[in-house]
C-alpha atoms as a PDB file:
ATOM      1  CA  MET A   1      -0.004   0.007  -0.024  1.00  0.00           C
ATOM      2  CA  SER A   2       1.204   3.502  -0.746  1.00  0.00           C
ATOM      3  CA  TYR A   3       0.525   4.876   2.764  1.00  0.00           C
ATOM      4  CA  LEU A   4       2.810   2.206   4.190  1.00  0.00           C
ATOM      5  CA  TYR A   5       5.528   3.463   1.904  1.00  0.00           C
ATOM      6  CA  LEU A   6       4.897   7.051   3.028  1.00  0.00           C
ATOM      7  CA  VAL A   7       5.366   6.252   6.716  1.00  0.00           C
ATOM      8  CA  ARG A   8       8.047   3.631   6.073  1.00  0.00           C
ATOM      9  CA  LEU A   9       6.253   0.636   7.568  1.00  0.00           C
ATOM     10  CA  ARG A  10       6.767  -2.915   6.387  1.00  0.00           C
ATOM     11  CA  SER A  11       3.204  -4.130   6.683  1.00  0.00           C
ATOM     12  CA  LYS A  12      -0.356  -3.089   7.419  1.00  0.00           C
ATOM     13  CA  SER A  13      -0.293  -5.302  10.540  1.00  0.00           C
ATOM     14  CA  VAL A  14       2.404  -3.085  12.094  1.00  0.00           C
ATOM     15  CA  LEU A  15       0.218  -0.029  11.650  1.00  0.00           C
ATOM     16  CA  SER A  16      -2.781  -1.916  12.930  1.00  0.00           C
ATOM     17  CA  ARG A  17      -0.936  -2.853  16.120  1.00  0.00           C
ATOM     18  CA  TYR A  18      -0.129   0.860  16.640  1.00  0.00           C
ATOM     19  CA  GLU A  19      -3.778   1.774  16.110  1.00  0.00           C
ATOM     20  CA  ARG A  20      -4.952  -0.809  18.608  1.00  0.00           C
ATOM     21  CA  GLY A  21      -2.380   0.308  21.172  1.00  0.00           C
ATOM     22  CA  GLU A  22      -0.585  -3.020  21.203  1.00  0.00           C
ATOM     23  CA  ASN A  23       2.738  -1.430  20.210  1.00  0.00           C
ATOM     24  CA  GLN A  24       4.080   2.118  20.535  1.00  0.00           C
ATOM     25  CA  PRO A  25       5.256   3.831  17.338  1.00  0.00           C
ATOM     26  CA  SER A  26       8.605   5.562  17.265  1.00  0.00           C
ATOM     27  CA  LEU A  27       8.499   9.349  17.250  1.00  0.00           C
ATOM     28  CA  ARG A  28       9.545   9.262  13.564  1.00  0.00           C
ATOM     29  CA  THR A  29       6.671   6.885  12.667  1.00  0.00           C
ATOM     30  CA  ALA A  30       4.110   8.917  14.663  1.00  0.00           C
ATOM     31  CA  LEU A  31       5.157  12.143  13.006  1.00  0.00           C
ATOM     32  CA  ALA A  32       5.180  10.499   9.585  1.00  0.00           C
ATOM     33  CA  CYS A  33       1.623   9.257  10.156  1.00  0.00           C
ATOM     34  CA  GLN A  34       0.615  12.785  11.207  1.00  0.00           C
ATOM     35  CA  ALA A  35       2.109  14.245   8.024  1.00  0.00           C
ATOM     36  CA  ALA A  36       0.665  11.541   5.757  1.00  0.00           C
ATOM     37  CA  PHE A  37      -2.839  11.435   7.207  1.00  0.00           C
ATOM     38  CA  GLY A  38      -3.223  15.059   8.232  1.00  0.00           C
ATOM     39  CA  THR A  39      -4.345  14.076  11.731  1.00  0.00           C
ATOM     40  CA  PRO A  40      -2.549  15.117  14.925  1.00  0.00           C
ATOM     41  CA  VAL A  41      -0.459  12.402  16.627  1.00  0.00           C
ATOM     42  CA  SER A  42      -2.586  12.755  19.789  1.00  0.00           C
ATOM     43  CA  GLU A  43      -5.647  11.741  17.785  1.00  0.00           C
ATOM     44  CA  LEU A  44      -3.964   9.031  15.702  1.00  0.00           C
ATOM     45  CA  PHE A  45      -2.671   7.325  18.811  1.00  0.00           C
ATOM     46  CA  ALA A  46      -5.241   8.571  21.294  1.00  0.00           C
ATOM     47  CA  GLY A  47      -4.931   5.735  23.825  1.00  0.00           C
ATOM     48  CA  PHE A  48      -1.140   6.043  23.966  1.00  0.00           C
ATOM     49  CA  SER A  49      -1.393   9.813  24.166  1.00  0.00           C
ATOM     50  CA  ASP A  50      -3.826   9.652  27.066  1.00  0.00           C
ATOM     51  CA  SER A  51      -1.628   7.186  28.872  1.00  0.00           C
ATOM     52  CA  VAL A  52       1.454   9.423  28.518  1.00  0.00           C
ATOM     53  CA  ALA A  53      -0.494  12.474  29.634  1.00  0.00           C
ATOM     54  CA  LYS A  54      -1.834  10.650  32.700  1.00  0.00           C
ATOM     55  CA  ASP A  55       1.652   9.401  33.629  1.00  0.00           C
ATOM     56  CA  THR A  56       3.155  12.876  33.153  1.00  0.00           C
ATOM     57  CA  ARG A  57       0.485  14.533  35.359  1.00  0.00           C
ATOM     58  CA  GLY A  58       1.247  11.901  38.037  1.00  0.00           C
ATOM     59  CA  GLN A  59       4.942  12.810  37.856  1.00  0.00           C
ATOM     60  CA  MET A  60       4.039  16.504  38.085  1.00  0.00           C
ATOM     61  CA  LYS A  61       1.908  15.868  41.163  1.00  0.00           C
ATOM     62  CA  ARG A  62       4.748  14.003  42.848  1.00  0.00           C
ATOM     63  CA  LEU A  63       7.258  16.712  41.962  1.00  0.00           C
ATOM     64  CA  ARG A  64       4.858  19.380  43.298  1.00  0.00           C
ATOM     65  CA  THR A  65       4.609  17.530  46.616  1.00  0.00           C
ATOM     66  CA  GLN A  66       8.408  17.210  46.849  1.00  0.00           C
ATOM     67  CA  LEU A  67       8.885  20.911  46.079  1.00  0.00           C
ATOM     68  CA  GLN A  68       6.207  21.942  48.548  1.00  0.00           C
ATOM     69  CA  ALA A  69       8.115  20.214  51.333  1.00  0.00           C
ATOM     70  CA  LYS A  70      11.239  22.212  50.448  1.00  0.00           C
ATOM     71  CA  ILE A  71       9.690  25.688  50.347  1.00  0.00           C
ATOM     72  CA  ASP A  72      11.140  28.212  52.762  1.00  0.00           C
ATOM     73  CA  PRO A  73       8.358  30.771  53.441  1.00  0.00           C
ATOM     74  CA  ASN A  74      10.965  33.292  54.548  1.00  0.00           C
ATOM     75  CA  ASN A  75      12.749  33.238  51.183  1.00  0.00           C
ATOM     76  CA  THR A  76      10.447  34.444  48.388  1.00  0.00           C
ATOM     77  CA  GLY A  77      13.257  34.588  45.803  1.00  0.00           C
ATOM     78  CA  ASN A  78      13.772  30.893  46.290  1.00  0.00           C
ATOM     79  CA  GLY A  79      14.178  28.851  43.120  1.00  0.00           C
ATOM     80  CA  VAL A  80      12.183  26.058  44.770  1.00  0.00           C
ATOM     81  CA  MET A  81       9.231  28.441  45.169  1.00  0.00           C
ATOM     82  CA  GLN A  82       9.458  29.434  41.527  1.00  0.00           C
ATOM     83  CA  LYS A  83       9.506  25.806  40.435  1.00  0.00           C
ATOM     84  CA  PHE A  84       6.560  25.049  42.759  1.00  0.00           C
ATOM     85  CA  GLN A  85       4.547  27.905  41.288  1.00  0.00           C
ATOM     86  CA  TRP A  86       5.353  26.864  37.714  1.00  0.00           C
ATOM     87  CA  ILE A  87       4.328  23.243  38.242  1.00  0.00           C
ATOM     88  CA  SER A  88       1.188  24.284  40.121  1.00  0.00           C
ATOM     89  CA  ASN A  89       0.197  26.487  37.183  1.00  0.00           C
ATOM     90  CA  GLN A  90       0.851  23.682  34.710  1.00  0.00           C
ATOM     91  CA  LEU A  91      -1.315  21.308  36.780  1.00  0.00           C
ATOM     92  CA  LEU A  92      -4.102  23.870  36.987  1.00  0.00           C
ATOM     93  CA  LYS A  93      -4.189  23.902  33.173  1.00  0.00           C
ATOM     94  CA  ALA A  94      -4.652  20.116  33.065  1.00  0.00           C
ATOM     95  CA  PRO A  95      -8.208  18.910  32.521  1.00  0.00           C
ATOM     96  CA  ASN A  96     -10.053  17.597  35.591  1.00  0.00           C
ATOM     97  CA  PHE A  97      -7.214  18.407  38.029  1.00  0.00           C
ATOM     98  CA  LYS A  98      -7.624  19.726  41.555  1.00  0.00           C
ATOM     99  CA  LEU A  99      -4.692  21.038  43.574  1.00  0.00           C
ATOM    100  CA  ILE A 100      -6.197  19.960  46.860  1.00  0.00           C
ATOM    101  CA  ALA A 101      -4.937  16.543  47.795  1.00  0.00           C
ATOM    102  CA  ALA A 102      -7.579  13.959  48.618  1.00  0.00           C
END
């Protein structure tokens, strides 16, 4: 098939495994699919994209907790405070996220 040639895949079954979430495409393959099909990578590989986003938000939450423990309230120019504020703002932008720990 010509689309296999475009994204440099050996067989339709390889692409099918990516679509079903059984295998993860390389960054090169994902970007080639995006270019060939005109669909964002996050839509082409939605399940994988969601999994990566969830994992990254979990890492951000853990980092926020670690930074919060290191904040010195007497030192407002503290780099830790700046990192804490940045990560808190990033988490607030995430869908369905609450800063208050359960």
